[in-house]
Amino acid sequence: MEALKRSTRYQLTGKRKRHEENQMCSVDTGVVQVPYEFLCRVTKITERFNEIRHFSIHFSLSENDGQRLFTHDISSMRHTSSFVPEKTIVGRDRDKDIIVDKLLSGEGENGGNHVSIMAIVGMGGLGKTTLGQLVYNDQRLRQSFDNHAWVYVSEHFDVNTITRDIINSLTKGTCEFTELTDLQEKLADEMKDKKILLMLDDVQNERGDCWESLCLPMSSARICKIILTSRSEEVARLVQTMPPHRPSCLSFDESWSLFKQVAFPVDQEFDATPANLIEIGKNIVKKCNGLPLAVKTLGSMLCYETDENIWVDVLENELLHMEKSRYQACQH
């Protein structure tokens, strides 16, 4: 009898284990298909989270940090315009001339396709938007086109919104249409038989169908030259009709010149700056690895600052020990 009980218990246990295994298998194989756009958004959110975590670790942030040197309004940094104070830009004249010459040469124009596209590609903080502003405002380029439009795109690539923004920029008015068909007809009408220069800043979308839908009405133009900026090599490969332009990082002399502009806005102030602060400043610039955004951010933190301890704190902050992998492009 005892042997029969043990046999029955073994059979029940075996059935239970097989049932649990079957359940696990059903969970593993019953994966719900996730839309590609949703997957892309989740990926970008994860990357952004890791970025924030990295900054948190290397800044060693805590509730007791004490006085903050600066507080940025993140939302105010999210939008760009075509305006650029050219006198404050350092080290981008050659890049600008290369791009302008290519756009004026007719490179990228393919047969009956009137739309040609050049991407400015590089890591964040490299100055892609600034370079785009210089190109967009170049007088040689301006005089070669009938109309111009600047649109800030960012991560949310909504064809309706971008099309409406292009129309608004071209007409200097406000388009009230909401349906894509109406918007595309309006844009096609605005571009018809004209030479158009279009700048799309911070493009992150990697879906070919969205890009095709956006470009569809532009075929009505006599010529439509599009410049876009992006961190993504995949975006460049998707849209380009000519090789992308990859700006290099600034040289030390260019970085130091930019740092002085921001940290010492008045020439007399720099002349009166103690030699030890100048030496610390040069070491800070070296650690920025030629990234204009890093140079300007740290320079603005130290503007009108005379306390040597604060300069040393900025120099020794672990944030400046940037990973070599992120700056390989600057070493070439």
C-alpha atoms as a PDB file:
ATOM      1  CA  MET A   1       0.000   0.000   0.000  1.00  0.00           C
ATOM      2  CA  GLU A   2       2.799   2.398   0.929  1.00  0.00           C
ATOM      3  CA  ALA A   3       4.527   1.665  -2.375  1.00  0.00           C
ATOM      4  CA  LEU A   4       1.278   2.435  -4.238  1.00  0.00           C
ATOM      5  CA  LYS A   5       0.972   5.805  -2.461  1.00  0.00           C
ATOM      6  CA  ARG A   6       4.558   6.706  -3.348  1.00  0.00           C
ATOM      7  CA  SER A   7       3.921   5.716  -6.990  1.00  0.00           C
ATOM      8  CA  THR A   8       0.723   7.801  -7.137  1.00  0.00           C
ATOM      9  CA  ARG A   9       2.501  10.773  -5.494  1.00  0.00           C
ATOM     10  CA  TYR A  10       5.353  10.487  -8.028  1.00  0.00           C
ATOM     11  CA  GLN A  11       2.907  10.410 -10.943  1.00  0.00           C
ATOM     12  CA  LEU A  12       1.051  13.478  -9.637  1.00  0.00           C
ATOM     13  CA  THR A  13       4.296  15.331  -9.026  1.00  0.00           C
ATOM     14  CA  GLY A  14       5.493  14.453 -12.517  1.00  0.00           C
ATOM     15  CA  LYS A  15       2.225  15.672 -14.063  1.00  0.00           C
ATOM     16  CA  ARG A  16       2.419  18.910 -12.039  1.00  0.00           C
ATOM     17  CA  LYS A  17       5.998  19.562 -13.218  1.00  0.00           C
ATOM     18  CA  ARG A  18       5.077  18.843 -16.834  1.00  0.00           C
ATOM     19  CA  HIS A  19       2.076  21.160 -16.491  1.00  0.00           C
ATOM     20  CA  GLU A  20       4.291  23.949 -15.092  1.00  0.00           C
ATOM     21  CA  GLU A  21       6.836  23.415 -17.869  1.00  0.00           C
ATOM     22  CA  ASN A  22       4.072  23.567 -20.479  1.00  0.00           C
ATOM     23  CA  GLN A  23       2.851  26.805 -18.921  1.00  0.00           C
ATOM     24  CA  MET A  24       6.357  28.266 -19.060  1.00  0.00           C
ATOM     25  CA  CYS A  25       6.695  27.233 -22.698  1.00  0.00           C
ATOM     26  CA  SER A  26       3.370  28.815 -23.542  1.00  0.00           C
ATOM     27  CA  VAL A  27       4.535  32.058 -21.954  1.00  0.00           C
ATOM     28  CA  ASP A  28       7.822  31.959 -23.853  1.00  0.00           C
ATOM     29  CA  THR A  29       6.226  31.273 -27.220  1.00  0.00           C
ATOM     30  CA  GLY A  30       3.170  33.485 -26.801  1.00  0.00           C
ATOM     31  CA  VAL A  31       5.043  36.752 -27.390  1.00  0.00           C
ATOM     32  CA  VAL A  32       2.836  39.621 -28.514  1.00  0.00           C
ATOM     33  CA  GLN A  33       4.117  41.465 -31.560  1.00  0.00           C
ATOM     34  CA  VAL A  34       5.172  45.006 -30.633  1.00  0.00           C
ATOM     35  CA  PRO A  35       4.820  47.806 -33.240  1.00  0.00           C
ATOM     36  CA  TYR A  36       8.192  48.916 -34.607  1.00  0.00           C
ATOM     37  CA  GLU A  37       7.556  52.573 -33.698  1.00  0.00           C
ATOM     38  CA  PHE A  38       6.804  51.611 -30.080  1.00  0.00           C
ATOM     39  CA  LEU A  39       9.971  49.503 -29.945  1.00  0.00           C
ATOM     40  CA  CYS A  40      12.021  52.463 -31.196  1.00  0.00           C
ATOM     41  CA  ARG A  41      10.535  54.751 -28.546  1.00  0.00           C
ATOM     42  CA  VAL A  42      11.251  52.233 -25.783  1.00  0.00           C
ATOM     43  CA  THR A  43      14.828  51.881 -27.026  1.00  0.00           C
ATOM     44  CA  LYS A  44      15.349  55.658 -27.013  1.00  0.00           C
ATOM     45  CA  ILE A  45      13.827  55.960 -23.527  1.00  0.00           C
ATOM     46  CA  THR A  46      16.167  53.234 -22.274  1.00  0.00           C
ATOM     47  CA  GLU A  47      19.158  54.992 -23.827  1.00  0.00           C
ATOM     48  CA  ARG A  48      18.082  58.294 -22.258  1.00  0.00           C
ATOM     49  CA  PHE A  49      17.650  56.628 -18.869  1.00  0.00           C
ATOM     50  CA  ASN A  50      21.159  55.152 -19.071  1.00  0.00           C
ATOM     51  CA  GLU A  51      22.485  58.583 -20.038  1.00  0.00           C
ATOM     52  CA  ILE A  52      20.823  60.195 -17.019  1.00  0.00           C
ATOM     53  CA  ARG A  53      22.100  57.402 -14.772  1.00  0.00           C
ATOM     54  CA  HIS A  54      25.624  57.962 -16.121  1.00  0.00           C
ATOM     55  CA  PHE A  55      25.476  61.682 -15.344  1.00  0.00           C
ATOM     56  CA  SER A  56      24.052  60.985 -11.897  1.00  0.00           C
ATOM     57  CA  ILE A  57      26.882  58.586 -11.054  1.00  0.00           C
ATOM     58  CA  HIS A  58      29.677  60.758 -12.382  1.00  0.00           C
ATOM     59  CA  PHE A  59      28.301  63.954 -10.900  1.00  0.00           C
ATOM     60  CA  SER A  60      27.902  62.097  -7.568  1.00  0.00           C
ATOM     61  CA  LEU A  61      24.625  63.923  -7.001  1.00  0.00           C
ATOM     62  CA  SER A  62      22.946  63.879  -3.604  1.00  0.00           C
ATOM     63  CA  GLU A  63      20.410  65.913  -1.650  1.00  0.00           C
ATOM     64  CA  ASN A  64      23.211  67.618   0.247  1.00  0.00           C
ATOM     65  CA  ASP A  65      25.179  68.898  -2.715  1.00  0.00           C
ATOM     66  CA  GLY A  66      24.839  72.483  -1.489  1.00  0.00           C
ATOM     67  CA  GLN A  67      24.877  75.465  -3.811  1.00  0.00           C
ATOM     68  CA  ARG A  68      24.344  74.718  -7.487  1.00  0.00           C
ATOM     69  CA  LEU A  69      26.585  76.448  -9.983  1.00  0.00           C
ATOM     70  CA  PHE A  70      23.905  76.496 -12.659  1.00  0.00           C
ATOM     71  CA  THR A  71      20.367  75.334 -13.353  1.00  0.00           C
ATOM     72  CA  HIS A  72      19.347  74.700 -16.944  1.00  0.00           C
ATOM     73  CA  ASP A  73      15.759  74.760 -18.124  1.00  0.00           C
ATOM     74  CA  ILE A  74      15.840  71.585 -20.203  1.00  0.00           C
ATOM     75  CA  SER A  75      12.729  72.448 -22.192  1.00  0.00           C
ATOM     76  CA  SER A  76      14.268  75.732 -23.349  1.00  0.00           C
ATOM     77  CA  MET A  77      17.190  73.804 -24.874  1.00  0.00           C
ATOM     78  CA  ARG A  78      14.953  71.583 -26.973  1.00  0.00           C
ATOM     79  CA  HIS A  79      14.087  73.982 -29.802  1.00  0.00           C
ATOM     80  CA  THR A  80      16.313  75.592 -32.397  1.00  0.00           C
ATOM     81  CA  SER A  81      15.973  78.335 -34.977  1.00  0.00           C
ATOM     82  CA  SER A  82      17.897  79.502 -38.031  1.00  0.00           C
ATOM     83  CA  PHE A  83      19.330  82.534 -36.226  1.00  0.00           C
ATOM     84  CA  VAL A  84      23.048  82.363 -35.526  1.00  0.00           C
ATOM     85  CA  PRO A  85      25.486  85.032 -34.231  1.00  0.00           C
ATOM     86  CA  GLU A  86      28.253  84.177 -36.711  1.00  0.00           C
ATOM     87  CA  LYS A  87      30.946  86.183 -34.923  1.00  0.00           C
ATOM     88  CA  THR A  88      30.749  83.840 -31.935  1.00  0.00           C
ATOM     89  CA  ILE A  89      31.189  80.627 -33.965  1.00  0.00           C
ATOM     90  CA  VAL A  90      34.646  79.062 -33.896  1.00  0.00           C
ATOM     91  CA  GLY A  91      36.244  76.489 -36.199  1.00  0.00           C
ATOM     92  CA  ARG A  92      33.385  75.764 -38.611  1.00  0.00           C
ATOM     93  CA  ASP A  93      34.186  77.895 -41.673  1.00  0.00           C
ATOM     94  CA  ARG A  94      35.812  75.037 -43.578  1.00  0.00           C
ATOM     95  CA  ASP A  95      32.919  72.655 -42.823  1.00  0.00           C
ATOM     96  CA  LYS A  96      30.455  75.286 -43.981  1.00  0.00           C
ATOM     97  CA  ASP A  97      32.302  75.892 -47.264  1.00  0.00           C
ATOM     98  CA  ILE A  98      32.490  72.159 -48.029  1.00  0.00           C
ATOM     99  CA  ILE A  99      28.735  71.709 -47.579  1.00  0.00           C
ATOM    100  CA  VAL A 100      27.781  74.872 -49.476  1.00  0.00           C
ATOM    101  CA  ASP A 101      30.032  73.947 -52.418  1.00  0.00           C
ATOM    102  CA  LYS A 102      28.457  70.483 -52.623  1.00  0.00           C
ATOM    103  CA  LEU A 103      24.923  71.874 -52.497  1.00  0.00           C
ATOM    104  CA  LEU A 104      25.669  74.411 -55.222  1.00  0.00           C
ATOM    105  CA  SER A 105      27.467  71.877 -57.433  1.00  0.00           C
ATOM    106  CA  GLY A 106      24.318  69.889 -58.131  1.00  0.00           C
ATOM    107  CA  GLU A 107      25.712  66.781 -56.426  1.00  0.00           C
ATOM    108  CA  GLY A 108      22.996  64.377 -55.341  1.00  0.00           C
ATOM    109  CA  GLU A 109      20.503  65.324 -58.065  1.00  0.00           C
ATOM    110  CA  ASN A 110      19.329  62.109 -59.706  1.00  0.00           C
ATOM    111  CA  GLY A 111      17.563  62.322 -63.046  1.00  0.00           C
ATOM    112  CA  GLY A 112      13.904  63.175 -62.590  1.00  0.00           C
ATOM    113  CA  ASN A 113      14.144  63.293 -58.802  1.00  0.00           C
ATOM    114  CA  HIS A 114      14.188  66.953 -57.837  1.00  0.00           C
ATOM    115  CA  VAL A 115      14.840  66.305 -54.134  1.00  0.00           C
ATOM    116  CA  SER A 116      18.448  65.944 -52.931  1.00  0.00           C
ATOM    117  CA  ILE A 117      19.493  65.413 -49.330  1.00  0.00           C
ATOM    118  CA  MET A 118      22.664  65.902 -47.336  1.00  0.00           C
ATOM    119  CA  ALA A 119      22.962  64.762 -43.715  1.00  0.00           C
ATOM    120  CA  ILE A 120      25.244  66.349 -41.107  1.00  0.00           C
ATOM    121  CA  VAL A 121      25.983  63.461 -38.761  1.00  0.00           C
ATOM    122  CA  GLY A 122      27.802  63.269 -35.441  1.00  0.00           C
ATOM    123  CA  MET A 123      27.607  62.760 -31.702  1.00  0.00           C
ATOM    124  CA  GLY A 124      25.629  65.033 -29.410  1.00  0.00           C
ATOM    125  CA  GLY A 125      27.370  68.287 -28.487  1.00  0.00           C
ATOM    126  CA  LEU A 126      29.498  68.362 -31.651  1.00  0.00           C
ATOM    127  CA  GLY A 127      27.842  71.480 -33.057  1.00  0.00           C
ATOM    128  CA  LYS A 128      25.753  69.988 -35.883  1.00  0.00           C
ATOM    129  CA  THR A 129      22.940  72.510 -35.415  1.00  0.00           C
ATOM    130  CA  THR A 130      25.392  75.434 -35.342  1.00  0.00           C
ATOM    131  CA  LEU A 131      26.982  74.206 -38.566  1.00  0.00           C
ATOM    132  CA  GLY A 132      23.525  73.836 -40.093  1.00  0.00           C
ATOM    133  CA  GLN A 133      22.736  77.440 -39.123  1.00  0.00           C
ATOM    134  CA  LEU A 134      25.913  78.689 -40.795  1.00  0.00           C
ATOM    135  CA  VAL A 135      25.110  76.780 -43.994  1.00  0.00           C
ATOM    136  CA  TYR A 136      21.460  77.857 -43.998  1.00  0.00           C
ATOM    137  CA  ASN A 137      22.423  81.530 -43.660  1.00  0.00           C
ATOM    138  CA  ASP A 138      25.242  81.479 -46.226  1.00  0.00           C
ATOM    139  CA  GLN A 139      24.565  84.262 -48.736  1.00  0.00           C
ATOM    140  CA  ARG A 140      25.733  82.232 -51.746  1.00  0.00           C
ATOM    141  CA  LEU A 141      23.164  79.578 -50.875  1.00  0.00           C
ATOM    142  CA  ARG A 142      20.427  82.082 -50.054  1.00  0.00           C
ATOM    143  CA  GLN A 143      20.744  83.804 -53.408  1.00  0.00           C
ATOM    144  CA  SER A 144      20.473  80.484 -55.241  1.00  0.00           C
ATOM    145  CA  PHE A 145      17.002  79.597 -53.920  1.00  0.00           C
ATOM    146  CA  ASP A 146      13.554  81.133 -54.191  1.00  0.00           C
ATOM    147  CA  ASN A 147      12.512  80.271 -50.647  1.00  0.00           C
ATOM    148  CA  HIS A 148      13.863  78.707 -47.453  1.00  0.00           C
ATOM    149  CA  ALA A 149      12.447  76.843 -44.454  1.00  0.00           C
ATOM    150  CA  TRP A 150      13.919  75.790 -41.100  1.00  0.00           C
ATOM    151  CA  VAL A 151      12.120  73.127 -39.029  1.00  0.00           C
ATOM    152  CA  TYR A 152      13.145  71.557 -35.733  1.00  0.00           C
ATOM    153  CA  VAL A 153      12.093  67.892 -35.779  1.00  0.00           C
ATOM    154  CA  SER A 154      13.478  66.000 -32.734  1.00  0.00           C
ATOM    155  CA  GLU A 155      12.428  62.476 -31.750  1.00  0.00           C
ATOM    156  CA  HIS A 156       8.684  62.736 -32.429  1.00  0.00           C
ATOM    157  CA  PHE A 157       8.544  62.439 -36.221  1.00  0.00           C
ATOM    158  CA  ASP A 158       4.946  63.353 -36.992  1.00  0.00           C
ATOM    159  CA  VAL A 159       4.498  63.881 -40.742  1.00  0.00           C
ATOM    160  CA  ASN A 160       1.451  66.150 -40.293  1.00  0.00           C
ATOM    161  CA  THR A 161       3.229  68.416 -37.811  1.00  0.00           C
ATOM    162  CA  ILE A 162       6.474  68.619 -39.785  1.00  0.00           C
ATOM    163  CA  THR A 163       4.637  69.316 -43.055  1.00  0.00           C
ATOM    164  CA  ARG A 164       2.644  72.091 -41.362  1.00  0.00           C
ATOM    165  CA  ASP A 165       5.835  73.558 -39.865  1.00  0.00           C
ATOM    166  CA  ILE A 166       7.494  73.609 -43.290  1.00  0.00           C
ATOM    167  CA  ILE A 167       4.485  75.422 -44.749  1.00  0.00           C
ATOM    168  CA  ASN A 168       4.508  77.946 -41.890  1.00  0.00           C
ATOM    169  CA  SER A 169       8.216  78.602 -42.370  1.00  0.00           C
ATOM    170  CA  LEU A 170       7.879  79.047 -46.133  1.00  0.00           C
ATOM    171  CA  THR A 171       4.833  81.349 -45.935  1.00  0.00           C
ATOM    172  CA  LYS A 172       5.742  83.128 -42.672  1.00  0.00           C
ATOM    173  CA  GLY A 173       2.133  82.469 -41.665  1.00  0.00           C
ATOM    174  CA  THR A 174       0.000  79.882 -39.878  1.00  0.00           C
ATOM    175  CA  CYS A 175      -1.475  76.919 -41.737  1.00  0.00           C
ATOM    176  CA  GLU A 176      -4.796  75.772 -40.297  1.00  0.00           C
ATOM    177  CA  PHE A 177      -5.048  72.451 -42.137  1.00  0.00           C
ATOM    178  CA  THR A 178      -5.001  69.282 -40.026  1.00  0.00           C
ATOM    179  CA  GLU A 179      -5.515  66.471 -42.561  1.00  0.00           C
ATOM    180  CA  LEU A 180      -2.378  65.112 -44.222  1.00  0.00           C
ATOM    181  CA  THR A 181      -3.869  65.255 -47.722  1.00  0.00           C
ATOM    182  CA  ASP A 182      -4.696  68.957 -47.362  1.00  0.00           C
ATOM    183  CA  LEU A 183      -1.262  69.675 -45.900  1.00  0.00           C
ATOM    184  CA  GLN A 184       0.549  67.848 -48.696  1.00  0.00           C
ATOM    185  CA  GLU A 185      -1.463  69.652 -51.377  1.00  0.00           C
ATOM    186  CA  LYS A 186      -0.698  72.994 -49.730  1.00  0.00           C
ATOM    187  CA  LEU A 187       3.027  72.219 -49.476  1.00  0.00           C
ATOM    188  CA  ALA A 188       3.159  71.008 -53.084  1.00  0.00           C
ATOM    189  CA  ASP A 189       1.492  74.246 -54.150  1.00  0.00           C
ATOM    190  CA  GLU A 190       3.971  76.375 -52.166  1.00  0.00           C
ATOM    191  CA  MET A 191       6.947  74.531 -53.679  1.00  0.00           C
ATOM    192  CA  LYS A 192       5.693  74.161 -57.247  1.00  0.00           C
ATOM    193  CA  ASP A 193       8.348  75.061 -59.837  1.00  0.00           C
ATOM    194  CA  LYS A 194      10.484  76.801 -57.202  1.00  0.00           C
ATOM    195  CA  LYS A 195      13.995  76.229 -55.892  1.00  0.00           C
ATOM    196  CA  ILE A 196      13.622  75.437 -52.193  1.00  0.00           C
ATOM    197  CA  LEU A 197      16.226  75.106 -49.421  1.00  0.00           C
ATOM    198  CA  LEU A 198      14.956  73.100 -46.457  1.00  0.00           C
ATOM    199  CA  MET A 199      16.741  72.548 -43.139  1.00  0.00           C
ATOM    200  CA  LEU A 200      15.497  69.764 -40.824  1.00  0.00           C
ATOM    201  CA  ASP A 201      17.256  69.885 -37.468  1.00  0.00           C
ATOM    202  CA  ASP A 202      17.710  66.880 -35.140  1.00  0.00           C
ATOM    203  CA  VAL A 203      16.073  64.090 -37.163  1.00  0.00           C
ATOM    204  CA  GLN A 204      15.897  60.799 -35.276  1.00  0.00           C
ATOM    205  CA  ASN A 205      13.275  58.814 -37.171  1.00  0.00           C
ATOM    206  CA  GLU A 206      14.570  55.670 -38.910  1.00  0.00           C
ATOM    207  CA  ARG A 207      11.357  54.636 -40.687  1.00  0.00           C
ATOM    208  CA  GLY A 208      11.538  54.844 -44.451  1.00  0.00           C
ATOM    209  CA  ASP A 209       7.751  55.018 -44.939  1.00  0.00           C
ATOM    210  CA  CYS A 210       7.464  58.149 -42.773  1.00  0.00           C
ATOM    211  CA  TRP A 211      10.293  59.818 -44.652  1.00  0.00           C
ATOM    212  CA  GLU A 212       8.741  58.984 -48.057  1.00  0.00           C
ATOM    213  CA  SER A 213       5.405  60.421 -46.933  1.00  0.00           C
ATOM    214  CA  LEU A 214       7.097  63.655 -45.840  1.00  0.00           C
ATOM    215  CA  CYS A 215       9.030  64.067 -49.109  1.00  0.00           C
ATOM    216  CA  LEU A 216       6.144  63.181 -51.430  1.00  0.00           C
ATOM    217  CA  PRO A 217       4.842  66.747 -52.072  1.00  0.00           C
ATOM    218  CA  MET A 218       8.387  68.119 -52.495  1.00  0.00           C
ATOM    219  CA  SER A 219       8.631  66.539 -55.947  1.00  0.00           C
ATOM    220  CA  SER A 220       6.585  69.491 -57.226  1.00  0.00           C
ATOM    221  CA  ALA A 221       9.554  71.783 -56.638  1.00  0.00           C
ATOM    222  CA  ARG A 222      11.919  72.617 -59.467  1.00  0.00           C
ATOM    223  CA  ILE A 223      14.730  71.809 -57.031  1.00  0.00           C
ATOM    224  CA  CYS A 224      14.459  70.975 -53.331  1.00  0.00           C
ATOM    225  CA  LYS A 225      17.714  70.757 -51.374  1.00  0.00           C
ATOM    226  CA  ILE A 226      17.354  69.292 -47.894  1.00  0.00           C
ATOM    227  CA  ILE A 227      19.991  69.560 -45.170  1.00  0.00           C
ATOM    228  CA  LEU A 228      19.361  67.585 -42.005  1.00  0.00           C
ATOM    229  CA  THR A 229      21.240  67.051 -38.769  1.00  0.00           C
ATOM    230  CA  SER A 230      21.198  63.754 -36.902  1.00  0.00           C
ATOM    231  CA  ARG A 231      23.125  61.701 -34.388  1.00  0.00           C
ATOM    232  CA  SER A 232      22.118  58.547 -36.225  1.00  0.00           C
ATOM    233  CA  GLU A 233      24.177  57.000 -39.015  1.00  0.00           C
ATOM    234  CA  GLU A 234      21.100  54.902 -39.847  1.00  0.00           C
ATOM    235  CA  VAL A 235      19.094  58.065 -40.553  1.00  0.00           C
ATOM    236  CA  ALA A 236      21.850  59.301 -42.871  1.00  0.00           C
ATOM    237  CA  ARG A 237      21.917  56.006 -44.781  1.00  0.00           C
ATOM    238  CA  LEU A 238      18.125  56.039 -45.074  1.00  0.00           C
ATOM    239  CA  VAL A 239      17.693  59.523 -46.547  1.00  0.00           C
ATOM    240  CA  GLN A 240      20.925  60.638 -48.213  1.00  0.00           C
ATOM    241  CA  THR A 241      21.309  61.218 -51.938  1.00  0.00           C
ATOM    242  CA  MET A 242      24.894  62.421 -51.408  1.00  0.00           C
ATOM    243  CA  PRO A 243      27.564  61.405 -48.878  1.00  0.00           C
ATOM    244  CA  PRO A 244      26.936  62.739 -45.348  1.00  0.00           C
ATOM    245  CA  HIS A 245      29.185  65.350 -43.779  1.00  0.00           C
ATOM    246  CA  ARG A 246      30.790  64.403 -40.466  1.00  0.00           C
ATOM    247  CA  PRO A 247      32.218  67.456 -38.667  1.00  0.00           C
ATOM    248  CA  SER A 248      35.329  66.860 -36.600  1.00  0.00           C
ATOM    249  CA  CYS A 249      35.847  68.054 -33.048  1.00  0.00           C
ATOM    250  CA  LEU A 250      37.497  71.419 -32.445  1.00  0.00           C
ATOM    251  CA  SER A 251      41.249  71.742 -32.083  1.00  0.00           C
ATOM    252  CA  PHE A 252      42.655  72.845 -28.735  1.00  0.00           C
ATOM    253  CA  ASP A 253      43.241  76.391 -29.998  1.00  0.00           C
ATOM    254  CA  GLU A 254      39.670  76.599 -31.315  1.00  0.00           C
ATOM    255  CA  SER A 255      38.304  75.183 -28.057  1.00  0.00           C
ATOM    256  CA  TRP A 256      40.338  77.628 -25.985  1.00  0.00           C
ATOM    257  CA  SER A 257      39.156  80.544 -28.126  1.00  0.00           C
ATOM    258  CA  LEU A 258      35.522  79.452 -27.596  1.00  0.00           C
ATOM    259  CA  PHE A 259      36.067  78.969 -23.853  1.00  0.00           C
ATOM    260  CA  LYS A 260      37.510  82.479 -23.512  1.00  0.00           C
ATOM    261  CA  GLN A 261      34.495  83.955 -25.323  1.00  0.00           C
ATOM    262  CA  VAL A 262      32.133  82.422 -22.790  1.00  0.00           C
ATOM    263  CA  ALA A 263      34.145  82.506 -19.557  1.00  0.00           C
ATOM    264  CA  PHE A 264      35.655  85.957 -20.181  1.00  0.00           C
ATOM    265  CA  PRO A 265      33.059  87.909 -22.207  1.00  0.00           C
ATOM    266  CA  VAL A 266      35.053  91.148 -21.867  1.00  0.00           C
ATOM    267  CA  ASP A 267      38.630  91.284 -23.125  1.00  0.00           C
ATOM    268  CA  GLN A 268      39.745  93.359 -20.158  1.00  0.00           C
ATOM    269  CA  GLU A 269      38.567  90.623 -17.799  1.00  0.00           C
ATOM    270  CA  PHE A 270      40.794  88.036 -19.458  1.00  0.00           C
ATOM    271  CA  ASP A 271      43.788  90.361 -19.324  1.00  0.00           C
ATOM    272  CA  ALA A 272      43.253  90.774 -15.582  1.00  0.00           C
ATOM    273  CA  THR A 273      42.707  87.050 -14.920  1.00  0.00           C
ATOM    274  CA  PRO A 274      45.311  85.440 -12.625  1.00  0.00           C
ATOM    275  CA  ALA A 275      47.713  83.089 -14.396  1.00  0.00           C
ATOM    276  CA  ASN A 276      46.676  80.151 -12.212  1.00  0.00           C
ATOM    277  CA  LEU A 277      43.034  80.404 -13.375  1.00  0.00           C
ATOM    278  CA  ILE A 278      44.137  80.571 -16.993  1.00  0.00           C
ATOM    279  CA  GLU A 279      46.202  77.418 -16.521  1.00  0.00           C
ATOM    280  CA  ILE A 280      43.263  75.626 -14.863  1.00  0.00           C
ATOM    281  CA  GLY A 281      40.993  76.815 -17.673  1.00  0.00           C
ATOM    282  CA  LYS A 282      43.305  75.356 -20.317  1.00  0.00           C
ATOM    283  CA  ASN A 283      43.297  72.009 -18.513  1.00  0.00           C
ATOM    284  CA  ILE A 284      39.498  72.081 -18.396  1.00  0.00           C
ATOM    285  CA  VAL A 285      39.393  72.735 -22.140  1.00  0.00           C
ATOM    286  CA  LYS A 286      41.723  69.790 -22.805  1.00  0.00           C
ATOM    287  CA  LYS A 287      39.318  67.472 -21.005  1.00  0.00           C
ATOM    288  CA  CYS A 288      36.403  68.653 -23.174  1.00  0.00           C
ATOM    289  CA  ASN A 289      37.928  66.695 -26.074  1.00  0.00           C
ATOM    290  CA  GLY A 290      37.004  69.337 -28.626  1.00  0.00           C
ATOM    291  CA  LEU A 291      33.237  69.172 -28.042  1.00  0.00           C
ATOM    292  CA  PRO A 292      31.842  72.720 -28.440  1.00  0.00           C
ATOM    293  CA  LEU A 293      28.835  72.120 -26.184  1.00  0.00           C
ATOM    294  CA  ALA A 294      31.058  70.907 -23.316  1.00  0.00           C
ATOM    295  CA  VAL A 295      33.382  73.889 -23.757  1.00  0.00           C
ATOM    296  CA  LYS A 296      30.515  76.400 -23.760  1.00  0.00           C
ATOM    297  CA  THR A 297      28.711  74.768 -20.831  1.00  0.00           C
ATOM    298  CA  LEU A 298      31.766  74.754 -18.577  1.00  0.00           C
ATOM    299  CA  GLY A 299      32.825  78.202 -19.725  1.00  0.00           C
ATOM    300  CA  SER A 300      29.403  79.617 -18.816  1.00  0.00           C
ATOM    301  CA  MET A 301      29.620  77.967 -15.375  1.00  0.00           C
ATOM    302  CA  LEU A 302      32.865  79.843 -14.688  1.00  0.00           C
ATOM    303  CA  CYS A 303      31.875  83.188 -16.178  1.00  0.00           C
ATOM    304  CA  TYR A 304      32.728  85.984 -13.692  1.00  0.00           C
ATOM    305  CA  GLU A 305      33.885  83.318 -11.213  1.00  0.00           C
ATOM    306  CA  THR A 306      37.093  84.274  -9.370  1.00  0.00           C
ATOM    307  CA  ASP A 307      37.180  81.563  -6.704  1.00  0.00           C
ATOM    308  CA  GLU A 308      40.033  79.219  -7.603  1.00  0.00           C
ATOM    309  CA  ASN A 309      38.469  76.372  -5.604  1.00  0.00           C
ATOM    310  CA  ILE A 310      35.427  76.365  -7.872  1.00  0.00           C
ATOM    311  CA  TRP A 311      37.638  76.227 -10.966  1.00  0.00           C
ATOM    312  CA  VAL A 312      39.494  73.275  -9.457  1.00  0.00           C
ATOM    313  CA  ASP A 313      36.183  71.562  -8.612  1.00  0.00           C
ATOM    314  CA  VAL A 314      35.097  71.836 -12.255  1.00  0.00           C
ATOM    315  CA  LEU A 315      38.462  70.517 -13.437  1.00  0.00           C
ATOM    316  CA  GLU A 316      38.437  67.535 -11.098  1.00  0.00           C
ATOM    317  CA  ASN A 317      34.779  66.625 -11.517  1.00  0.00           C
ATOM    318  CA  GLU A 318      34.486  63.054 -12.762  1.00  0.00           C
ATOM    319  CA  LEU A 319      32.097  64.182 -15.504  1.00  0.00           C
ATOM    320  CA  LEU A 320      35.107  65.493 -17.384  1.00  0.00           C
ATOM    321  CA  HIS A 321      36.705  62.043 -17.457  1.00  0.00           C
ATOM    322  CA  MET A 322      34.767  61.245 -20.608  1.00  0.00           C
ATOM    323  CA  GLU A 323      34.791  57.757 -22.091  1.00  0.00           C
ATOM    324  CA  LYS A 324      37.283  57.413 -24.911  1.00  0.00           C
ATOM    325  CA  SER A 325      34.806  55.417 -26.973  1.00  0.00           C
ATOM    326  CA  ARG A 326      32.479  58.404 -27.305  1.00  0.00           C
ATOM    327  CA  TYR A 327      35.216  60.602 -28.680  1.00  0.00           C
ATOM    328  CA  GLN A 328      36.961  58.360 -31.179  1.00  0.00           C
ATOM    329  CA  ALA A 329      35.710  60.612 -33.939  1.00  0.00           C
ATOM    330  CA  CYS A 330      37.706  63.472 -32.461  1.00  0.00           C
ATOM    331  CA  GLN A 331      40.977  61.588 -32.656  1.00  0.00           C
ATOM    332  CA  HIS A 332      41.013  61.287 -36.450  1.00  0.00           C
END
